[in-house]
Amino acid sequence: MNQIKALTKVINDFRDARDWRQFHNPKDCAISLSLEASEVLEHFQWKSPEEIKKYIKENKKDIAEELADVFYWVLLLSNDLDIDVEKAFMLKMQKNGKKYPIKKAKGKHTKYTQL
């Protein structure tokens, strides 16, 4: 079993033991994903680049927990929608490679439509 499938099984087992599947429709799972991503953002809001460097060193565990929450919802939602998230990721990276060819994009933060 690959790692993504193993992690998804952990999530499903956790959810099923609590009988929470009944609450996990795609809309609410997507909302939860967005809320958790916002909690990641809270760690960096209103901080200067210098403050962020210090904050990361002192709060890495808390940031990691929020990223794990985002990952949880990505895996759960992709499972429930029967999306192979690994395959989707690789296809998206291929698409990004075409949108952002190295010769045009290297060292630039420009959106692909402006390259």
Protein backbone atom coordinates (compact mmCIF):
# COMPACT_ATOMS: atom_id res chain seq x y z
CA MET A 1 0.00 0.00 0.00
CA ASN A 2 1.42 3.38 -0.91
CA GLN A 3 1.82 6.09 1.70
CA ILE A 4 -1.13 8.24 0.56
CA LYS A 5 -3.47 5.24 0.71
CA ALA A 6 -2.13 4.32 4.15
CA LEU A 7 -2.66 7.85 5.45
CA THR A 8 -6.15 7.97 3.93
CA LYS A 9 -6.98 4.72 5.70
CA VAL A 10 -5.89 6.27 9.01
CA ILE A 11 -8.25 9.19 8.33
CA ASN A 12 -11.16 6.95 7.34
CA ASP A 13 -10.65 4.72 10.38
CA PHE A 14 -10.55 7.79 12.63
CA ARG A 15 -13.71 9.21 11.06
CA ASP A 16 -15.60 5.92 10.98
CA ALA A 17 -14.83 5.14 14.63
CA ARG A 18 -16.60 8.41 15.51
CA ASP A 19 -19.46 7.98 13.01
CA TRP A 20 -18.61 11.31 11.39
CA ARG A 21 -18.98 10.24 7.75
CA GLN A 22 -22.60 11.38 7.94
CA PHE A 23 -21.40 14.98 8.39
CA HIS A 24 -18.74 14.94 5.70
CA ASN A 25 -20.38 16.11 2.50
CA PRO A 26 -18.13 17.73 -0.12
CA LYS A 27 -19.28 21.28 0.70
CA ASP A 28 -18.51 21.02 4.40
CA CYS A 29 -15.22 19.23 3.80
CA ALA A 30 -14.17 21.96 1.37
CA ILE A 31 -15.14 24.59 3.94
CA SER A 32 -13.09 22.78 6.58
CA LEU A 33 -10.12 22.66 4.21
CA SER A 34 -10.39 26.40 3.63
CA LEU A 35 -10.73 27.13 7.33
CA GLU A 36 -7.65 25.09 8.17
CA ALA A 37 -5.67 26.81 5.41
CA SER A 38 -6.72 30.12 6.95
CA GLU A 39 -5.33 28.95 10.27
CA VAL A 40 -1.97 28.46 8.56
CA LEU A 41 -2.17 32.05 7.33
CA GLU A 42 -2.85 33.34 10.84
CA HIS A 43 0.66 32.34 11.85
CA PHE A 44 2.13 34.86 9.41
CA GLN A 45 -0.40 37.67 9.40
CA TRP A 46 0.91 41.13 10.33
CA LYS A 47 4.51 39.96 10.73
CA SER A 48 7.53 41.43 9.00
CA PRO A 49 9.98 39.09 7.23
CA GLU A 50 12.27 39.30 10.27
CA GLU A 51 9.43 38.52 12.66
CA ILE A 52 8.38 35.57 10.50
CA LYS A 53 11.86 34.00 10.64
CA LYS A 54 11.87 34.19 14.42
CA TYR A 55 8.25 33.06 14.69
CA ILE A 56 8.86 29.97 12.56
CA LYS A 57 11.76 28.89 14.76
CA GLU A 58 9.66 29.30 17.90
CA ASN A 59 6.36 27.93 16.56
CA LYS A 60 7.28 25.26 14.02
CA LYS A 61 5.29 22.57 15.84
CA ASP A 62 2.11 24.67 15.79
CA ILE A 63 2.54 25.49 12.10
CA ALA A 64 3.14 21.80 11.37
CA GLU A 65 -0.10 20.89 13.12
CA GLU A 66 -2.04 23.35 10.98
CA LEU A 67 -0.43 21.99 7.82
CA ALA A 68 -1.35 18.48 8.96
CA ASP A 69 -4.96 19.64 9.36
CA VAL A 70 -4.94 20.96 5.78
CA PHE A 71 -3.44 17.68 4.56
CA TYR A 72 -6.11 15.73 6.48
CA TRP A 73 -8.91 17.51 4.63
CA VAL A 74 -7.16 17.22 1.25
CA LEU A 75 -6.83 13.47 1.70
CA LEU A 76 -10.35 13.03 3.07
CA LEU A 77 -11.99 15.10 0.34
CA SER A 78 -10.01 13.46 -2.46
CA ASN A 79 -10.95 10.05 -1.04
CA ASP A 80 -14.63 10.90 -0.80
CA LEU A 81 -14.67 12.31 -4.34
CA ASP A 82 -12.75 9.28 -5.64
CA ILE A 83 -9.88 11.43 -6.89
CA ASP A 84 -6.44 9.91 -7.06
CA VAL A 85 -4.66 12.86 -5.47
CA GLU A 86 -1.20 11.57 -6.40
CA LYS A 87 -2.16 11.28 -10.05
CA ALA A 88 -3.93 14.66 -9.94
CA PHE A 89 -0.82 16.22 -8.41
CA MET A 90 1.50 14.81 -11.05
CA LEU A 91 -0.81 15.90 -13.88
CA LYS A 92 -1.02 19.38 -12.36
CA MET A 93 2.77 19.61 -12.10
CA GLN A 94 3.04 18.66 -15.78
CA LYS A 95 0.51 21.35 -16.63
CA ASN A 96 2.41 23.87 -14.48
CA GLY A 97 5.62 22.93 -16.29
CA LYS A 98 4.01 23.92 -19.58
CA LYS A 99 2.57 27.13 -18.13
CA TYR A 100 5.88 28.06 -16.52
CA PRO A 101 8.71 26.88 -18.79
CA ILE A 102 12.10 27.27 -17.12
CA LYS A 103 13.49 29.55 -19.82
CA LYS A 104 10.66 32.05 -19.33
CA ALA A 105 9.86 31.66 -15.63
CA LYS A 106 13.19 31.11 -13.90
CA GLY A 107 13.75 33.69 -11.20
CA LYS A 108 10.45 35.45 -11.88
CA HIS A 109 7.23 35.58 -9.89
CA THR A 110 5.21 36.64 -12.93
CA LYS A 111 1.92 34.87 -13.62
CA TYR A 112 2.07 32.54 -16.62
CA THR A 113 -0.26 34.79 -18.65
CA GLN A 114 2.34 37.57 -18.39
CA LEU A 115 5.48 35.56 -19.28
